[in-house]
Amino acid sequence: QGKYRLLTQGRSEADCSPCPGGYYNPHLGQTNCTPCPKNNYCQTPGATDDSQKQPCEAGYECIEGASTPSPTDGVTGRVCPPGYYCPSGQDKQPCPQGKYRLQTQGRREAD
């Protein structure tokens, strides 16, 4: 648990690699790890479940597999785009009718 192995001929547990930050593995005998769920980040390498997940920082959209509260790589997450706001640990929300937002990194509707 918390580890995986891609290659054959493993001789001991030392041949298994810990899941990187942003991932976890709750099962034995795996060849890959499970990404941290959307809207959260998992910082600790070698995690055996998602119980250590934390909500992503407001103003950021965590897509999946984030290892930091404010990812900007475009794969695991990004800055909240214009026209939206991103509350901590929640899906990005569009600005309501009659309102707009030109800047990135909106944290709440009032921004």
N, C-alpha and C. Protein backbone atom coordinates (compact mmCIF):
# COMPACT_ATOMS: atom_id res chain seq x y z
N GLN A 1 0.84 -1.18 0.00
CA GLN A 1 0.00 0.00 0.00
C GLN A 1 0.88 1.24 0.00
N GLY A 2 0.45 2.24 -0.76
CA GLY A 2 1.23 3.47 -0.84
C GLY A 2 2.40 3.37 -1.78
N LYS A 3 2.59 2.17 -2.41
CA LYS A 3 3.70 1.94 -3.32
C LYS A 3 3.19 1.27 -4.59
N TYR A 4 4.04 1.27 -5.62
CA TYR A 4 3.71 0.59 -6.86
C TYR A 4 4.98 0.13 -7.53
N ARG A 5 4.84 -0.73 -8.53
CA ARG A 5 5.99 -1.23 -9.27
C ARG A 5 5.59 -1.40 -10.73
N LEU A 6 6.35 -0.82 -11.65
CA LEU A 6 6.08 -0.92 -13.08
C LEU A 6 6.82 -2.06 -13.74
N LEU A 7 8.00 -2.40 -13.27
CA LEU A 7 8.84 -3.40 -13.92
C LEU A 7 8.62 -4.78 -13.33
N THR A 8 8.97 -5.82 -14.08
CA THR A 8 8.86 -7.19 -13.58
C THR A 8 10.11 -7.55 -12.78
N GLN A 9 10.11 -8.70 -12.20
CA GLN A 9 11.24 -9.26 -11.46
C GLN A 9 11.57 -8.51 -10.17
N GLY A 10 10.56 -7.98 -9.50
CA GLY A 10 10.80 -7.37 -8.20
C GLY A 10 11.15 -8.43 -7.18
N ARG A 11 12.17 -8.19 -6.41
CA ARG A 11 12.66 -9.20 -5.46
C ARG A 11 12.27 -8.90 -4.02
N SER A 12 12.01 -7.62 -3.72
CA SER A 12 11.64 -7.26 -2.36
C SER A 12 10.82 -5.98 -2.39
N GLU A 13 10.29 -5.62 -1.24
CA GLU A 13 9.49 -4.40 -1.15
C GLU A 13 10.31 -3.17 -1.55
N ALA A 14 11.62 -3.24 -1.38
CA ALA A 14 12.50 -2.13 -1.75
C ALA A 14 12.46 -1.86 -3.26
N ASP A 15 12.01 -2.84 -4.04
CA ASP A 15 11.90 -2.65 -5.49
C ASP A 15 10.65 -1.86 -5.87
N CYS A 16 9.78 -1.60 -4.92
CA CYS A 16 8.55 -0.83 -5.17
C CYS A 16 8.81 0.65 -4.87
N SER A 17 8.19 1.50 -5.65
CA SER A 17 8.36 2.94 -5.49
C SER A 17 7.18 3.54 -4.74
N PRO A 18 7.41 4.51 -3.86
CA PRO A 18 6.29 5.18 -3.20
C PRO A 18 5.51 6.01 -4.22
N CYS A 19 4.22 6.08 -4.03
CA CYS A 19 3.41 6.96 -4.87
C CYS A 19 3.89 8.39 -4.66
N PRO A 20 4.01 9.17 -5.73
CA PRO A 20 4.46 10.56 -5.56
C PRO A 20 3.36 11.42 -4.92
N GLY A 21 3.73 12.59 -4.46
CA GLY A 21 2.74 13.54 -3.98
C GLY A 21 1.69 13.75 -5.06
N GLY A 22 0.43 13.91 -4.67
CA GLY A 22 -0.65 14.06 -5.62
C GLY A 22 -1.33 12.73 -5.93
N TYR A 23 -0.77 11.63 -5.40
CA TYR A 23 -1.30 10.29 -5.67
C TYR A 23 -1.30 9.47 -4.39
N TYR A 24 -2.07 8.39 -4.39
CA TYR A 24 -2.09 7.44 -3.28
C TYR A 24 -2.40 6.05 -3.84
N ASN A 25 -2.18 5.02 -3.04
CA ASN A 25 -2.48 3.66 -3.46
C ASN A 25 -2.99 2.87 -2.27
N PRO A 26 -4.30 2.54 -2.26
CA PRO A 26 -4.86 1.80 -1.14
C PRO A 26 -4.77 0.28 -1.28
N HIS A 27 -4.22 -0.22 -2.39
CA HIS A 27 -4.23 -1.66 -2.66
C HIS A 27 -2.80 -2.22 -2.74
N LEU A 28 -2.70 -3.52 -2.59
CA LEU A 28 -1.44 -4.24 -2.74
C LEU A 28 -1.28 -4.66 -4.20
N GLY A 29 -0.03 -4.83 -4.65
CA GLY A 29 0.25 -5.39 -5.96
C GLY A 29 -0.13 -4.51 -7.14
N GLN A 30 -0.02 -3.22 -7.00
CA GLN A 30 -0.44 -2.30 -8.06
C GLN A 30 0.71 -1.84 -8.94
N THR A 31 0.39 -1.46 -10.17
CA THR A 31 1.39 -0.93 -11.10
C THR A 31 1.21 0.57 -11.32
N ASN A 32 0.25 1.16 -10.64
CA ASN A 32 0.07 2.61 -10.71
C ASN A 32 -0.60 3.11 -9.43
N CYS A 33 -0.70 4.40 -9.31
CA CYS A 33 -1.31 5.02 -8.13
C CYS A 33 -2.55 5.81 -8.56
N THR A 34 -3.42 6.07 -7.62
CA THR A 34 -4.66 6.80 -7.87
C THR A 34 -4.42 8.29 -7.65
N PRO A 35 -4.85 9.15 -8.60
CA PRO A 35 -4.65 10.59 -8.41
C PRO A 35 -5.52 11.14 -7.28
N CYS A 36 -5.02 12.12 -6.59
CA CYS A 36 -5.78 12.82 -5.57
C CYS A 36 -7.04 13.39 -6.22
N PRO A 37 -8.19 13.34 -5.56
CA PRO A 37 -9.43 13.78 -6.19
C PRO A 37 -9.47 15.27 -6.53
N LYS A 38 -10.31 15.58 -7.48
CA LYS A 38 -10.56 16.95 -7.93
C LYS A 38 -10.88 17.84 -6.73
N ASN A 39 -10.44 19.08 -6.78
CA ASN A 39 -10.67 20.12 -5.76
C ASN A 39 -9.84 19.93 -4.50
N ASN A 40 -8.93 18.95 -4.50
CA ASN A 40 -8.09 18.65 -3.35
C ASN A 40 -6.64 18.47 -3.79
N TYR A 41 -5.74 18.48 -2.82
CA TYR A 41 -4.35 18.13 -3.08
C TYR A 41 -3.90 17.13 -2.04
N CYS A 42 -2.94 16.28 -2.41
CA CYS A 42 -2.36 15.27 -1.53
C CYS A 42 -0.86 15.47 -1.56
N GLN A 43 -0.32 16.02 -0.52
CA GLN A 43 1.08 16.43 -0.49
C GLN A 43 2.04 15.30 -0.14
N THR A 44 1.62 14.33 0.67
CA THR A 44 2.52 13.33 1.22
C THR A 44 2.79 12.18 0.25
N PRO A 45 4.07 11.95 -0.13
CA PRO A 45 4.39 10.78 -0.95
C PRO A 45 4.17 9.49 -0.17
N GLY A 46 3.81 8.42 -0.87
CA GLY A 46 3.61 7.12 -0.23
C GLY A 46 2.30 6.98 0.51
N ALA A 47 1.34 7.85 0.23
CA ALA A 47 0.04 7.79 0.91
C ALA A 47 -0.70 6.51 0.54
N THR A 48 -1.40 5.94 1.51
CA THR A 48 -2.15 4.70 1.28
C THR A 48 -3.64 4.95 1.04
N ASP A 49 -4.10 6.16 1.26
CA ASP A 49 -5.49 6.50 0.97
C ASP A 49 -5.59 8.02 0.84
N ASP A 50 -6.79 8.50 0.55
CA ASP A 50 -6.94 9.95 0.35
C ASP A 50 -7.34 10.68 1.64
N SER A 51 -7.14 10.04 2.78
CA SER A 51 -7.53 10.67 4.05
C SER A 51 -6.67 11.89 4.38
N GLN A 52 -5.51 12.01 3.74
CA GLN A 52 -4.64 13.16 3.99
C GLN A 52 -4.90 14.29 3.00
N LYS A 53 -5.92 14.13 2.15
CA LYS A 53 -6.21 15.18 1.18
C LYS A 53 -6.67 16.44 1.91
N GLN A 54 -6.34 17.57 1.30
CA GLN A 54 -6.71 18.88 1.82
C GLN A 54 -7.38 19.67 0.70
N PRO A 55 -8.31 20.58 1.03
CA PRO A 55 -8.93 21.37 -0.03
C PRO A 55 -7.92 22.33 -0.66
N CYS A 56 -8.01 22.49 -1.96
CA CYS A 56 -7.13 23.42 -2.65
C CYS A 56 -7.43 24.85 -2.24
N GLU A 57 -6.45 25.69 -2.41
CA GLU A 57 -6.55 27.09 -2.01
C GLU A 57 -7.58 27.82 -2.88
N ALA A 58 -8.34 28.71 -2.26
CA ALA A 58 -9.28 29.54 -3.01
C ALA A 58 -8.52 30.33 -4.06
N GLY A 59 -9.11 30.46 -5.25
CA GLY A 59 -8.45 31.16 -6.35
C GLY A 59 -7.73 30.23 -7.30
N TYR A 60 -7.75 28.91 -6.99
CA TYR A 60 -7.11 27.90 -7.82
C TYR A 60 -8.10 26.78 -8.11
N GLU A 61 -7.99 26.24 -9.31
CA GLU A 61 -8.81 25.11 -9.72
C GLU A 61 -7.93 23.87 -9.75
N CYS A 62 -8.16 22.94 -8.82
CA CYS A 62 -7.42 21.69 -8.79
C CYS A 62 -8.16 20.68 -9.64
N ILE A 63 -7.49 20.18 -10.67
CA ILE A 63 -8.13 19.28 -11.64
C ILE A 63 -8.11 17.85 -11.11
N GLU A 64 -6.93 17.29 -10.88
CA GLU A 64 -6.76 15.94 -10.37
C GLU A 64 -5.28 15.68 -10.22
N GLY A 65 -4.88 15.00 -9.15
CA GLY A 65 -3.47 14.66 -8.95
C GLY A 65 -2.62 15.80 -8.43
N ALA A 66 -3.23 16.82 -7.83
CA ALA A 66 -2.47 17.97 -7.32
C ALA A 66 -1.69 17.59 -6.06
N SER A 67 -0.47 18.11 -5.96
CA SER A 67 0.36 17.87 -4.77
C SER A 67 0.63 19.16 -4.01
N THR A 68 0.06 20.26 -4.47
CA THR A 68 0.23 21.56 -3.85
C THR A 68 -1.13 22.26 -3.78
N PRO A 69 -1.37 23.12 -2.80
CA PRO A 69 -2.68 23.77 -2.68
C PRO A 69 -2.96 24.81 -3.76
N SER A 70 -1.92 25.19 -4.51
CA SER A 70 -2.10 26.21 -5.54
C SER A 70 -1.37 25.81 -6.82
N PRO A 71 -1.82 24.73 -7.49
CA PRO A 71 -1.13 24.25 -8.69
C PRO A 71 -1.34 25.18 -9.88
N THR A 72 -0.30 25.32 -10.69
CA THR A 72 -0.38 26.19 -11.87
C THR A 72 0.19 25.51 -13.11
N ASP A 73 0.35 24.18 -13.08
CA ASP A 73 0.98 23.49 -14.22
C ASP A 73 0.02 23.23 -15.38
N GLY A 74 -1.27 23.50 -15.21
CA GLY A 74 -2.25 23.27 -16.26
C GLY A 74 -2.66 21.82 -16.41
N VAL A 75 -2.00 20.92 -15.70
CA VAL A 75 -2.33 19.49 -15.75
C VAL A 75 -3.06 19.09 -14.47
N THR A 76 -2.46 19.39 -13.32
CA THR A 76 -3.08 19.07 -12.04
C THR A 76 -3.93 20.23 -11.52
N GLY A 77 -3.71 21.41 -12.07
CA GLY A 77 -4.49 22.57 -11.66
C GLY A 77 -4.02 23.84 -12.32
N ARG A 78 -4.74 24.91 -12.06
CA ARG A 78 -4.43 26.20 -12.67
C ARG A 78 -5.06 27.33 -11.85
N VAL A 79 -4.61 28.53 -12.14
CA VAL A 79 -5.21 29.72 -11.53
C VAL A 79 -6.65 29.82 -12.05
N CYS A 80 -7.55 30.21 -11.20
CA CYS A 80 -8.95 30.36 -11.59
C CYS A 80 -9.04 31.39 -12.74
N PRO A 81 -9.74 31.04 -13.83
CA PRO A 81 -9.76 31.91 -15.01
C PRO A 81 -10.71 33.11 -14.85
N PRO A 82 -10.55 34.12 -15.71
CA PRO A 82 -11.49 35.26 -15.72
C PRO A 82 -12.91 34.75 -15.96
N GLY A 83 -13.89 35.44 -15.39
CA GLY A 83 -15.28 35.06 -15.55
C GLY A 83 -15.75 34.03 -14.54
N TYR A 84 -14.82 33.57 -13.68
CA TYR A 84 -15.12 32.55 -12.69
C TYR A 84 -14.51 32.92 -11.34
N TYR A 85 -14.99 32.27 -10.31
CA TYR A 85 -14.33 32.33 -9.01
C TYR A 85 -14.21 30.89 -8.51
N CYS A 86 -13.18 30.62 -7.72
CA CYS A 86 -12.89 29.26 -7.26
C CYS A 86 -12.79 29.24 -5.74
N PRO A 87 -13.90 28.87 -5.07
CA PRO A 87 -13.84 28.74 -3.60
C PRO A 87 -12.92 27.58 -3.21
N SER A 88 -12.37 27.62 -2.03
CA SER A 88 -11.47 26.57 -1.55
C SER A 88 -12.15 25.21 -1.56
N GLY A 89 -11.52 24.23 -2.26
CA GLY A 89 -12.01 22.87 -2.27
C GLY A 89 -13.30 22.63 -3.03
N GLN A 90 -13.67 23.56 -3.91
CA GLN A 90 -14.92 23.42 -4.66
C GLN A 90 -14.67 23.63 -6.15
N ASP A 91 -15.63 23.20 -6.97
CA ASP A 91 -15.56 23.45 -8.41
C ASP A 91 -15.57 24.95 -8.68
N LYS A 92 -14.95 25.35 -9.81
CA LYS A 92 -15.00 26.75 -10.19
C LYS A 92 -16.45 27.12 -10.49
N GLN A 93 -16.80 28.35 -10.17
CA GLN A 93 -18.16 28.84 -10.32
C GLN A 93 -18.18 30.00 -11.31
N PRO A 94 -19.12 30.02 -12.26
CA PRO A 94 -19.20 31.17 -13.17
C PRO A 94 -19.75 32.39 -12.45
N CYS A 95 -19.31 33.55 -12.86
CA CYS A 95 -19.90 34.77 -12.33
C CYS A 95 -21.38 34.76 -12.68
N PRO A 96 -22.23 35.18 -11.75
CA PRO A 96 -23.67 35.15 -12.03
C PRO A 96 -24.07 36.19 -13.08
N GLN A 97 -25.26 36.05 -13.59
CA GLN A 97 -25.79 37.00 -14.56
C GLN A 97 -25.73 38.41 -13.99
N GLY A 98 -25.35 39.35 -14.82
CA GLY A 98 -25.27 40.74 -14.39
C GLY A 98 -23.94 41.11 -13.76
N LYS A 99 -23.02 40.14 -13.63
CA LYS A 99 -21.70 40.39 -13.04
C LYS A 99 -20.62 39.84 -13.97
N TYR A 100 -19.40 40.35 -13.83
CA TYR A 100 -18.28 39.86 -14.62
C TYR A 100 -17.00 39.98 -13.82
N ARG A 101 -15.97 39.31 -14.31
CA ARG A 101 -14.66 39.35 -13.67
C ARG A 101 -13.60 39.26 -14.77
N LEU A 102 -12.76 40.28 -14.87
CA LEU A 102 -11.71 40.31 -15.88
C LEU A 102 -10.42 39.68 -15.42
N GLN A 103 -10.17 39.68 -14.12
CA GLN A 103 -8.91 39.17 -13.58
C GLN A 103 -9.01 37.67 -13.29
N THR A 104 -7.85 37.04 -13.19
CA THR A 104 -7.77 35.64 -12.79
C THR A 104 -7.76 35.56 -11.26
N GLN A 105 -7.83 34.37 -10.75
CA GLN A 105 -7.65 34.05 -9.33
C GLN A 105 -8.79 34.55 -8.43
N GLY A 106 -10.00 34.58 -8.96
CA GLY A 106 -11.16 34.92 -8.12
C GLY A 106 -11.36 33.88 -7.05
N ARG A 107 -11.60 34.32 -5.83
CA ARG A 107 -11.75 33.40 -4.69
C ARG A 107 -13.21 33.22 -4.26
N ARG A 108 -14.01 34.26 -4.46
CA ARG A 108 -15.42 34.20 -4.06
C ARG A 108 -16.21 35.14 -4.98
N GLU A 109 -17.51 34.99 -4.98
CA GLU A 109 -18.35 35.77 -5.88
C GLU A 109 -18.14 37.27 -5.74
N ALA A 110 -17.87 37.73 -4.54
CA ALA A 110 -17.71 39.17 -4.29
C ALA A 110 -16.40 39.73 -4.86
N ASP A 111 -15.47 38.87 -5.28
CA ASP A 111 -14.18 39.37 -5.79
C ASP A 111 -14.38 40.12 -7.06
